[in-house]
Amino acid sequence: MYRLIIILVLLIILFYMIRRAVQDWRLKHASGALPGKDVMVQDPVCKVYIPVGAAVIEHVGGQRYYFCSEECARAFEQESSRAR
């Protein structure tokens, strides 16, 4: 009886460990995942590097862009609309 309980507890622990590993793997390999807040990204307009946590995020043409300010975001949108 004790063997059955121990095996059951070990199987439950194994299940949760595998489930957590799969969740972590999915988060790492998610196609649209945001980078960490401390990751530095470059503004495409003024070319400065800013942390993702402080960036203005805009979606233009189905792609995500990071800007240092709203002014740079507007300038980029105007430039991309002229290019079309």
Protein backbone atom coordinates (compact mmCIF):
# COMPACT_ATOMS: atom_id res chain seq x y z
CA MET A 1 0.00 0.00 0.00
CA TYR A 2 2.80 2.40 0.91
CA ARG A 3 4.58 1.63 -2.34
CA LEU A 4 1.51 2.64 -4.31
CA ILE A 5 1.22 5.94 -2.43
CA ILE A 6 4.92 6.71 -2.93
CA ILE A 7 4.69 5.90 -6.66
CA LEU A 8 1.60 8.08 -7.00
CA VAL A 9 3.29 11.03 -5.24
CA LEU A 10 6.38 10.66 -7.44
CA LEU A 11 4.24 10.56 -10.58
CA ILE A 12 2.43 13.73 -9.52
CA ILE A 13 5.75 15.48 -8.87
CA LEU A 14 7.07 14.31 -12.25
CA PHE A 15 3.92 15.57 -13.97
CA TYR A 16 4.30 19.06 -12.51
CA MET A 17 8.00 19.19 -13.35
CA ILE A 18 7.35 18.24 -16.98
CA ARG A 19 4.46 20.68 -17.23
CA ARG A 20 6.66 23.52 -15.92
CA ALA A 21 9.46 22.64 -18.35
CA VAL A 22 7.03 22.69 -21.29
CA GLN A 23 5.63 26.07 -20.20
CA ASP A 24 9.14 27.54 -19.92
CA TRP A 25 10.06 26.17 -23.35
CA ARG A 26 6.92 27.67 -24.90
CA LEU A 27 7.66 31.07 -23.39
CA LYS A 28 11.21 31.01 -24.75
CA HIS A 29 10.13 30.00 -28.23
CA ALA A 30 6.96 32.02 -28.57
CA SER A 31 6.97 33.81 -31.92
CA GLY A 32 5.61 37.16 -30.70
CA ALA A 33 7.15 37.26 -27.27
CA LEU A 34 8.46 40.51 -25.95
CA PRO A 35 12.09 40.65 -24.91
CA GLY A 36 12.88 41.13 -21.22
CA LYS A 37 12.45 44.61 -19.75
CA ASP A 38 16.21 45.07 -19.36
CA VAL A 39 17.00 44.23 -23.00
CA MET A 40 18.24 47.23 -24.98
CA VAL A 41 16.63 47.94 -28.36
CA GLN A 42 17.50 50.56 -30.96
CA ASP A 43 15.07 53.26 -32.00
CA PRO A 44 14.82 53.11 -35.83
CA VAL A 45 14.45 56.89 -36.15
CA CYS A 46 17.07 58.51 -33.91
CA LYS A 47 19.22 55.35 -33.46
CA VAL A 48 19.48 55.58 -29.65
CA TYR A 49 19.36 52.46 -27.47
CA ILE A 50 16.64 52.23 -24.85
CA PRO A 51 15.44 49.48 -22.49
CA VAL A 52 12.31 47.68 -23.68
CA GLY A 53 10.58 48.52 -20.41
CA ALA A 54 10.85 52.25 -21.16
CA ALA A 55 10.18 52.07 -24.92
CA VAL A 56 7.10 53.23 -26.78
CA ILE A 57 5.91 50.16 -28.69
CA GLU A 58 4.09 50.59 -31.99
CA HIS A 59 2.89 48.02 -34.52
CA VAL A 60 3.46 49.21 -38.08
CA GLY A 61 2.73 46.94 -41.02
CA GLY A 62 2.30 43.91 -38.77
CA GLN A 63 5.73 44.35 -37.20
CA ARG A 64 6.63 45.58 -33.70
CA TYR A 65 8.91 48.64 -33.38
CA TYR A 66 10.38 50.25 -30.27
CA PHE A 67 10.79 54.02 -29.98
CA CYS A 68 12.35 56.34 -27.42
CA SER A 69 9.44 58.80 -27.61
CA GLU A 70 6.02 59.40 -29.15
CA GLU A 71 7.60 61.93 -31.55
CA CYS A 72 9.92 59.29 -33.01
CA ALA A 73 6.97 56.90 -33.35
CA ARG A 74 4.93 59.50 -35.25
CA ALA A 75 7.90 60.38 -37.48
CA PHE A 76 8.40 56.70 -38.32
CA GLU A 77 4.70 56.22 -39.13
CA GLN A 78 4.72 59.29 -41.39
CA GLU A 79 7.86 58.09 -43.16
CA SER A 80 6.46 54.58 -43.66
CA SER A 81 3.16 55.96 -45.00
CA ARG A 82 5.09 58.10 -47.54
CA ALA A 83 7.07 55.06 -48.69
CA ARG A 84 3.86 53.19 -49.63
